[in-house]
Amino acid sequence: PPPPPPPTHAPPNPFRRLKKPNATHAVSAAAAESGERKRNKRMIQSIFLLSPTGEVLIERHFRGVTSRSVCETFWDKAAVNLNHHGGLSTSSAIAADPLPLYDSVPPVMEVPDGNRHGGGGGGNDDGGKGGTLYLFSVLRDGLSYLAACPDEVSPLLVLEFLHRVADTFVDYFGSPADESAVKDNFSTVYQLLEEMCDYGWPLTTEPNMLKDMIRPPTVMAKIQQAVVGGSSPRVF
C-alpha cells in the first residue's frame, strides 16, 4: 500500500519554550496607572496660618479655593482650651510644659467644606460625604498651621510638611517665627510656600535649596516691604 500522506500540521512540541510576557510593557502600564492615580488624587488644597487670636494671617490656595469657614470650625474647638493658644503656646512655655497642646483639637479633623456643603458644587466629587475636608493642624510659636485636603492622604506626610514650613520660617526669620515675624515678611512667606508646595504636593523643603532660590530677608528688604505693603492678610 502507498505510504500515508505527511501531516499538514506538526504535532505540538512539549519541550517548546513558552513566550514570556513583555516585562517592559507591563512595567510601563503599571507606571502609567500609578501616574494616573497620582494625578487624580488631590493632596493639599489650601494652607492657612492663624494668629494666637484666630485671625487669618496667611492663606494660600493650590487646588481651588477653600472657604474660611474651615478656620472658624477649627477655632471654635481650639479656643475652648487656653493651653492651646495664647501666652501658654509660646516656644518657651512648650519647653517648660511638655503636656500635649492638642487636648481640645485633634491634629486631623473632618470638617464641612463651606464651598461644597450640601450642594456638591464646584465640579468636585466628594464621594457622597456631603462636602467635607480633612483639616490637618500643628501649633508652632503661637501660630496654627492648617492644611485642608479634599481626599484621604497620609497624615504623617502632611503634618511633617507643616512642621517643615514652620522650621523654614524659623530659619529665615529667626526664633520665634511668630505673628510679628510673619506680618513683617509677607512677601517672603508667600514665595516660600510657592516653592515648597507644587499644586498641593510637597516639593522643595531643604533649606539650602530654598536659599538658593529665595534669599533670606535683609534689613533693607524689610524697610522696602514696610513702605510698599501693609500688614493686612494676603490671599493667593
C-alpha atoms as a PDB file:
ATOM      1  CA  PRO A   1       0.000   0.000   0.000  1.00  0.00           C
ATOM      2  CA  PRO A   2       1.158   3.611  -0.614  1.00  0.00           C
ATOM      3  CA  PRO A   3       2.677   5.446   2.392  1.00  0.00           C
ATOM      4  CA  PRO A   4       0.332   7.766   4.335  1.00  0.00           C
ATOM      5  CA  PRO A   5       0.469  11.428   3.408  1.00  0.00           C
ATOM      6  CA  PRO A   6       2.583  13.665   5.674  1.00  0.00           C
ATOM      7  CA  PRO A   7       0.611  15.569   8.343  1.00  0.00           C
ATOM      8  CA  THR A   8      -0.396  19.094   7.424  1.00  0.00           C
ATOM      9  CA  HIS A   9       0.351  20.388  10.959  1.00  0.00           C
ATOM     10  CA  ALA A  10       3.335  19.434  13.036  1.00  0.00           C
ATOM     11  CA  PRO A  11       2.421  17.905  16.406  1.00  0.00           C
ATOM     12  CA  PRO A  12       2.955  20.210  19.392  1.00  0.00           C
ATOM     13  CA  ASN A  13       6.376  20.057  20.932  1.00  0.00           C
ATOM     14  CA  PRO A  14       6.068  19.545  24.696  1.00  0.00           C
ATOM     15  CA  PHE A  15       9.555  20.989  25.187  1.00  0.00           C
ATOM     16  CA  ARG A  16       8.843  24.188  23.291  1.00  0.00           C
ATOM     17  CA  ARG A  17       9.656  27.287  25.352  1.00  0.00           C
ATOM     18  CA  LEU A  18       6.646  29.413  26.064  1.00  0.00           C
ATOM     19  CA  LYS A  19       6.839  33.035  25.032  1.00  0.00           C
ATOM     20  CA  LYS A  20       7.443  35.248  28.030  1.00  0.00           C
ATOM     21  CA  PRO A  21       5.227  38.291  28.505  1.00  0.00           C
ATOM     22  CA  ASN A  22       6.707  41.639  27.676  1.00  0.00           C
ATOM     23  CA  ALA A  23       8.019  42.780  31.064  1.00  0.00           C
ATOM     24  CA  THR A  24       8.787  46.276  29.784  1.00  0.00           C
ATOM     25  CA  HIS A  25       5.216  46.728  28.629  1.00  0.00           C
ATOM     26  CA  ALA A  26       3.887  45.539  31.996  1.00  0.00           C
ATOM     27  CA  VAL A  27       6.116  47.960  33.900  1.00  0.00           C
ATOM     28  CA  SER A  28       5.131  50.843  31.626  1.00  0.00           C
ATOM     29  CA  ALA A  29       1.447  50.061  32.075  1.00  0.00           C
ATOM     30  CA  ALA A  30       1.863  49.926  35.852  1.00  0.00           C
ATOM     31  CA  ALA A  31       3.749  53.222  35.867  1.00  0.00           C
ATOM     32  CA  ALA A  32       1.075  54.846  33.721  1.00  0.00           C
ATOM     33  CA  GLU A  33      -1.653  53.577  36.047  1.00  0.00           C
ATOM     34  CA  SER A  34       0.259  54.857  39.092  1.00  0.00           C
ATOM     35  CA  GLY A  35       0.737  58.253  37.442  1.00  0.00           C
ATOM     36  CA  GLU A  36      -2.958  58.429  36.641  1.00  0.00           C
ATOM     37  CA  ARG A  37      -3.861  57.671  40.250  1.00  0.00           C
ATOM     38  CA  LYS A  38      -1.458  60.390  41.436  1.00  0.00           C
ATOM     39  CA  ARG A  39      -2.964  62.917  39.041  1.00  0.00           C
ATOM     40  CA  ASN A  40      -6.469  62.080  40.231  1.00  0.00           C
ATOM     41  CA  LYS A  41      -5.543  62.121  43.942  1.00  0.00           C
ATOM     42  CA  ARG A  42      -5.803  65.558  45.452  1.00  0.00           C
ATOM     43  CA  MET A  43      -3.228  66.424  48.073  1.00  0.00           C
ATOM     44  CA  ILE A  44      -3.161  69.778  49.899  1.00  0.00           C
ATOM     45  CA  GLN A  45      -5.837  72.125  48.637  1.00  0.00           C
ATOM     46  CA  SER A  46      -5.122  75.140  50.871  1.00  0.00           C
ATOM     47  CA  ILE A  47      -2.847  76.270  53.701  1.00  0.00           C
ATOM     48  CA  PHE A  48      -3.881  78.741  56.418  1.00  0.00           C
ATOM     49  CA  LEU A  49      -1.873  80.426  59.181  1.00  0.00           C
ATOM     50  CA  LEU A  50      -3.851  81.636  62.171  1.00  0.00           C
ATOM     51  CA  SER A  51      -2.666  84.072  64.818  1.00  0.00           C
ATOM     52  CA  PRO A  52      -2.973  83.338  68.574  1.00  0.00           C
ATOM     53  CA  THR A  53      -6.344  85.142  68.476  1.00  0.00           C
ATOM     54  CA  GLY A  54      -7.710  83.187  65.495  1.00  0.00           C
ATOM     55  CA  GLU A  55      -7.043  85.844  62.850  1.00  0.00           C
ATOM     56  CA  VAL A  56      -6.190  84.502  59.401  1.00  0.00           C
ATOM     57  CA  LEU A  57      -2.702  85.808  58.652  1.00  0.00           C
ATOM     58  CA  ILE A  58      -1.904  83.793  55.535  1.00  0.00           C
ATOM     59  CA  GLU A  59      -3.985  81.740  53.140  1.00  0.00           C
ATOM     60  CA  ARG A  60      -2.554  80.047  50.074  1.00  0.00           C
ATOM     61  CA  HIS A  61      -4.746  78.036  47.714  1.00  0.00           C
ATOM     62  CA  PHE A  62      -3.213  75.424  45.420  1.00  0.00           C
ATOM     63  CA  ARG A  63      -6.166  73.439  44.006  1.00  0.00           C
ATOM     64  CA  GLY A  64      -9.286  75.532  44.265  1.00  0.00           C
ATOM     65  CA  VAL A  65     -10.336  77.991  46.942  1.00  0.00           C
ATOM     66  CA  THR A  66     -11.164  76.685  50.406  1.00  0.00           C
ATOM     67  CA  SER A  67     -13.703  78.643  52.420  1.00  0.00           C
ATOM     68  CA  ARG A  68     -12.513  80.313  55.606  1.00  0.00           C
ATOM     69  CA  SER A  69     -15.321  78.513  57.394  1.00  0.00           C
ATOM     70  CA  VAL A  70     -12.883  75.633  57.991  1.00  0.00           C
ATOM     71  CA  CYS A  71     -10.768  78.034  60.073  1.00  0.00           C
ATOM     72  CA  GLU A  72     -13.836  79.032  62.063  1.00  0.00           C
ATOM     73  CA  THR A  73     -14.662  75.373  62.709  1.00  0.00           C
ATOM     74  CA  PHE A  74     -11.100  74.784  63.861  1.00  0.00           C
ATOM     75  CA  TRP A  75     -11.010  77.849  66.074  1.00  0.00           C
ATOM     76  CA  ASP A  76     -14.325  77.014  67.746  1.00  0.00           C
ATOM     77  CA  LYS A  77     -12.618  73.900  69.109  1.00  0.00           C
ATOM     78  CA  ALA A  78      -9.170  75.409  69.661  1.00  0.00           C
ATOM     79  CA  ALA A  79     -10.468  78.373  71.663  1.00  0.00           C
ATOM     80  CA  VAL A  80     -12.081  76.063  74.224  1.00  0.00           C
ATOM     81  CA  ASN A  81      -8.765  75.352  75.928  1.00  0.00           C
ATOM     82  CA  LEU A  82      -6.317  78.155  76.756  1.00  0.00           C
ATOM     83  CA  ASN A  83      -3.444  75.657  76.770  1.00  0.00           C
ATOM     84  CA  HIS A  84      -3.733  75.524  73.015  1.00  0.00           C
ATOM     85  CA  HIS A  85      -3.309  79.214  72.216  1.00  0.00           C
ATOM     86  CA  GLY A  86      -2.382  82.470  73.844  1.00  0.00           C
ATOM     87  CA  GLY A  87       0.507  83.005  76.238  1.00  0.00           C
ATOM     88  CA  LEU A  88       0.950  79.322  77.071  1.00  0.00           C
ATOM     89  CA  SER A  89       1.574  78.374  73.443  1.00  0.00           C
ATOM     90  CA  THR A  90       4.906  80.167  73.081  1.00  0.00           C
ATOM     91  CA  SER A  91       8.064  78.199  72.432  1.00  0.00           C
ATOM     92  CA  SER A  92       9.387  78.821  75.977  1.00  0.00           C
ATOM     93  CA  ALA A  93       6.167  77.502  77.518  1.00  0.00           C
ATOM     94  CA  ILE A  94       6.300  74.432  75.306  1.00  0.00           C
ATOM     95  CA  ALA A  95       9.791  73.631  76.575  1.00  0.00           C
ATOM     96  CA  ALA A  96       8.707  74.125  80.178  1.00  0.00           C
ATOM     97  CA  ASP A  97       5.405  72.239  79.900  1.00  0.00           C
ATOM     98  CA  PRO A  98       5.572  69.119  77.703  1.00  0.00           C
ATOM     99  CA  LEU A  99       1.842  68.405  78.084  1.00  0.00           C
ATOM    100  CA  PRO A 100       0.051  67.929  74.768  1.00  0.00           C
ATOM    101  CA  LEU A 101      -1.278  71.160  73.314  1.00  0.00           C
ATOM    102  CA  TYR A 102      -3.955  69.455  71.234  1.00  0.00           C
ATOM    103  CA  ASP A 103      -6.075  68.258  74.135  1.00  0.00           C
ATOM    104  CA  SER A 104      -9.088  70.075  72.676  1.00  0.00           C
ATOM    105  CA  VAL A 105      -8.214  69.832  68.957  1.00  0.00           C
ATOM    106  CA  PRO A 106      -7.075  66.603  67.262  1.00  0.00           C
ATOM    107  CA  PRO A 107      -4.290  67.034  64.682  1.00  0.00           C
ATOM    108  CA  VAL A 108      -6.617  65.675  61.976  1.00  0.00           C
ATOM    109  CA  MET A 109     -10.290  66.610  61.726  1.00  0.00           C
ATOM    110  CA  GLU A 110     -13.030  66.043  59.178  1.00  0.00           C
ATOM    111  CA  VAL A 111     -14.777  69.383  58.722  1.00  0.00           C
ATOM    112  CA  PRO A 112     -17.525  70.658  56.389  1.00  0.00           C
ATOM    113  CA  ASP A 113     -16.346  72.291  53.195  1.00  0.00           C
ATOM    114  CA  GLY A 114     -18.095  75.638  53.007  1.00  0.00           C
ATOM    115  CA  ASN A 115     -17.804  75.684  49.198  1.00  0.00           C
ATOM    116  CA  ARG A 116     -19.474  72.289  48.698  1.00  0.00           C
ATOM    117  CA  HIS A 117     -21.511  71.661  51.854  1.00  0.00           C
ATOM    118  CA  GLY A 118     -24.921  70.328  50.897  1.00  0.00           C
ATOM    119  CA  GLY A 119     -24.508  71.212  47.234  1.00  0.00           C
ATOM    120  CA  GLY A 120     -21.622  69.317  45.756  1.00  0.00           C
ATOM    121  CA  GLY A 121     -20.851  72.246  43.501  1.00  0.00           C
ATOM    122  CA  GLY A 122     -17.603  73.386  42.025  1.00  0.00           C
ATOM    123  CA  GLY A 123     -17.112  70.277  39.919  1.00  0.00           C
ATOM    124  CA  ASN A 124     -15.575  68.270  42.789  1.00  0.00           C
ATOM    125  CA  ASP A 125     -16.557  64.691  43.552  1.00  0.00           C
ATOM    126  CA  ASP A 126     -16.876  64.363  47.312  1.00  0.00           C
ATOM    127  CA  GLY A 127     -17.750  60.675  47.204  1.00  0.00           C
ATOM    128  CA  GLY A 128     -21.114  61.258  48.832  1.00  0.00           C
ATOM    129  CA  LYS A 129     -19.624  62.698  52.015  1.00  0.00           C
ATOM    130  CA  GLY A 130     -21.758  65.819  51.787  1.00  0.00           C
ATOM    131  CA  GLY A 131     -18.779  68.099  51.085  1.00  0.00           C
ATOM    132  CA  THR A 132     -16.078  67.521  53.689  1.00  0.00           C
ATOM    133  CA  LEU A 133     -12.389  68.262  54.028  1.00  0.00           C
ATOM    134  CA  TYR A 134      -9.628  66.733  56.109  1.00  0.00           C
ATOM    135  CA  LEU A 135      -8.057  69.502  58.165  1.00  0.00           C
ATOM    136  CA  PHE A 136      -4.519  68.940  59.488  1.00  0.00           C
ATOM    137  CA  SER A 137      -3.102  71.293  62.125  1.00  0.00           C
ATOM    138  CA  VAL A 138       0.087  71.922  64.058  1.00  0.00           C
ATOM    139  CA  LEU A 139       0.883  74.634  66.584  1.00  0.00           C
ATOM    140  CA  ARG A 140       4.247  76.419  66.408  1.00  0.00           C
ATOM    141  CA  ASP A 141       5.267  79.643  68.152  1.00  0.00           C
ATOM    142  CA  GLY A 142       1.658  80.565  68.817  1.00  0.00           C
ATOM    143  CA  LEU A 143       0.633  80.153  65.167  1.00  0.00           C
ATOM    144  CA  SER A 144      -1.749  77.468  63.947  1.00  0.00           C
ATOM    145  CA  TYR A 145      -0.652  75.927  60.642  1.00  0.00           C
ATOM    146  CA  LEU A 146      -3.655  74.401  58.856  1.00  0.00           C
ATOM    147  CA  ALA A 147      -3.712  72.269  55.706  1.00  0.00           C
ATOM    148  CA  ALA A 148      -7.036  71.410  54.057  1.00  0.00           C
ATOM    149  CA  CYS A 149      -7.106  68.221  51.952  1.00  0.00           C
ATOM    150  CA  PRO A 150     -10.144  67.025  49.976  1.00  0.00           C
ATOM    151  CA  ASP A 151      -9.010  63.364  49.858  1.00  0.00           C
ATOM    152  CA  GLU A 152      -7.679  60.871  52.376  1.00  0.00           C
ATOM    153  CA  VAL A 153      -3.884  61.229  52.427  1.00  0.00           C
ATOM    154  CA  SER A 154      -1.068  60.134  54.707  1.00  0.00           C
ATOM    155  CA  PRO A 155      -1.459  62.147  57.938  1.00  0.00           C
ATOM    156  CA  LEU A 156       2.244  61.924  58.784  1.00  0.00           C
ATOM    157  CA  LEU A 157       3.197  63.318  55.385  1.00  0.00           C
ATOM    158  CA  VAL A 158       1.012  66.412  55.742  1.00  0.00           C
ATOM    159  CA  LEU A 159       1.892  67.022  59.404  1.00  0.00           C
ATOM    160  CA  GLU A 160       5.612  66.664  58.678  1.00  0.00           C
ATOM    161  CA  PHE A 161       5.276  69.104  55.794  1.00  0.00           C
ATOM    162  CA  LEU A 162       3.595  71.682  58.052  1.00  0.00           C
ATOM    163  CA  HIS A 163       6.431  71.303  60.551  1.00  0.00           C
ATOM    164  CA  ARG A 164       8.927  71.778  57.707  1.00  0.00           C
ATOM    165  CA  VAL A 165       7.175  75.000  56.750  1.00  0.00           C
ATOM    166  CA  ALA A 166       7.404  76.234  60.351  1.00  0.00           C
ATOM    167  CA  ASP A 167      11.082  75.207  60.563  1.00  0.00           C
ATOM    168  CA  THR A 168      11.781  77.101  57.344  1.00  0.00           C
ATOM    169  CA  PHE A 169      10.166  80.242  58.753  1.00  0.00           C
ATOM    170  CA  VAL A 170      12.399  79.970  61.834  1.00  0.00           C
ATOM    171  CA  ASP A 171      15.425  79.519  59.587  1.00  0.00           C
ATOM    172  CA  TYR A 172      14.513  82.618  57.568  1.00  0.00           C
ATOM    173  CA  PHE A 173      13.036  84.960  60.170  1.00  0.00           C
ATOM    174  CA  GLY A 174      14.652  83.777  63.397  1.00  0.00           C
ATOM    175  CA  SER A 175      13.119  82.295  66.514  1.00  0.00           C
ATOM    176  CA  PRO A 176      10.345  82.641  67.391  1.00  0.00           C
ATOM    177  CA  ALA A 177       8.655  82.790  63.965  1.00  0.00           C
ATOM    178  CA  ASP A 178       5.546  84.297  65.470  1.00  0.00           C
ATOM    179  CA  GLU A 179       2.794  86.627  64.306  1.00  0.00           C
ATOM    180  CA  SER A 180       5.077  89.659  64.096  1.00  0.00           C
ATOM    181  CA  ALA A 181       7.663  87.796  62.023  1.00  0.00           C
ATOM    182  CA  VAL A 182       5.008  86.668  59.536  1.00  0.00           C
ATOM    183  CA  LYS A 183       3.482  90.136  59.237  1.00  0.00           C
ATOM    184  CA  ASP A 184       6.910  91.666  58.655  1.00  0.00           C
ATOM    185  CA  ASN A 185       7.726  89.186  55.859  1.00  0.00           C
ATOM    186  CA  PHE A 186       4.501  88.612  53.927  1.00  0.00           C
ATOM    187  CA  SER A 187       6.241  88.560  50.552  1.00  0.00           C
ATOM    188  CA  THR A 188       8.888  86.045  51.601  1.00  0.00           C
ATOM    189  CA  VAL A 189       6.274  83.808  53.241  1.00  0.00           C
ATOM    190  CA  TYR A 190       4.298  83.505  50.021  1.00  0.00           C
ATOM    191  CA  GLN A 191       7.425  82.934  47.956  1.00  0.00           C
ATOM    192  CA  LEU A 192       8.445  80.102  50.276  1.00  0.00           C
ATOM    193  CA  LEU A 193       5.011  78.470  50.117  1.00  0.00           C
ATOM    194  CA  GLU A 194       5.122  78.727  46.328  1.00  0.00           C
ATOM    195  CA  GLU A 195       8.436  76.878  46.152  1.00  0.00           C
ATOM    196  CA  MET A 196       7.725  74.350  48.902  1.00  0.00           C
ATOM    197  CA  CYS A 197       4.394  73.142  47.508  1.00  0.00           C
ATOM    198  CA  ASP A 198       3.609  72.448  43.841  1.00  0.00           C
ATOM    199  CA  TYR A 199      -0.083  72.040  43.010  1.00  0.00           C
ATOM    200  CA  GLY A 200      -0.663  70.771  46.523  1.00  0.00           C
ATOM    201  CA  TRP A 201       2.257  68.305  46.604  1.00  0.00           C
ATOM    202  CA  PRO A 202       5.307  68.947  48.839  1.00  0.00           C
ATOM    203  CA  LEU A 203       8.213  69.844  46.576  1.00  0.00           C
ATOM    204  CA  THR A 204      11.284  71.668  47.906  1.00  0.00           C
ATOM    205  CA  THR A 205      11.794  71.525  51.670  1.00  0.00           C
ATOM    206  CA  GLU A 206      15.593  71.601  52.024  1.00  0.00           C
ATOM    207  CA  PRO A 207      16.766  74.943  53.492  1.00  0.00           C
ATOM    208  CA  ASN A 208      19.905  75.182  51.349  1.00  0.00           C
ATOM    209  CA  MET A 209      17.958  74.662  48.126  1.00  0.00           C
ATOM    210  CA  LEU A 210      15.372  77.210  49.176  1.00  0.00           C
ATOM    211  CA  LYS A 211      18.033  79.801  49.998  1.00  0.00           C
ATOM    212  CA  ASP A 212      19.483  79.343  46.509  1.00  0.00           C
ATOM    213  CA  MET A 213      16.098  80.350  45.074  1.00  0.00           C
ATOM    214  CA  ILE A 214      14.829  82.796  47.722  1.00  0.00           C
ATOM    215  CA  ARG A 215      17.295  84.946  49.611  1.00  0.00           C
ATOM    216  CA  PRO A 216      16.574  85.487  53.313  1.00  0.00           C
ATOM    217  CA  PRO A 217      15.185  88.964  54.020  1.00  0.00           C
ATOM    218  CA  THR A 218      17.670  91.705  54.809  1.00  0.00           C
ATOM    219  CA  VAL A 219      17.135  94.873  56.794  1.00  0.00           C
ATOM    220  CA  MET A 220      16.828  96.919  53.584  1.00  0.00           C
ATOM    221  CA  ALA A 221      14.289  94.476  52.153  1.00  0.00           C
ATOM    222  CA  LYS A 222      12.219  94.727  55.329  1.00  0.00           C
ATOM    223  CA  ILE A 223      12.238  98.527  55.109  1.00  0.00           C
ATOM    224  CA  GLN A 224      11.121  98.412  51.465  1.00  0.00           C
ATOM    225  CA  GLN A 225       8.340  95.975  52.287  1.00  0.00           C
ATOM    226  CA  ALA A 226       7.175  98.114  55.196  1.00  0.00           C
ATOM    227  CA  VAL A 227       6.948 101.108  52.846  1.00  0.00           C
ATOM    228  CA  VAL A 228       5.235  99.265  49.979  1.00  0.00           C
ATOM    229  CA  GLY A 229       2.936  96.829  51.777  1.00  0.00           C
ATOM    230  CA  GLY A 230       0.928  96.851  54.969  1.00  0.00           C
ATOM    231  CA  SER A 231       0.120  94.112  57.424  1.00  0.00           C
ATOM    232  CA  SER A 232      -3.307  93.093  56.083  1.00  0.00           C
ATOM    233  CA  PRO A 233      -3.784  89.377  55.330  1.00  0.00           C
ATOM    234  CA  ARG A 234      -2.944  88.366  51.766  1.00  0.00           C
ATOM    235  CA  VAL A 235      -4.736  85.782  49.641  1.00  0.00           C
ATOM    236  CA  PHE A 236      -3.086  83.909  46.764  1.00  0.00           C
END
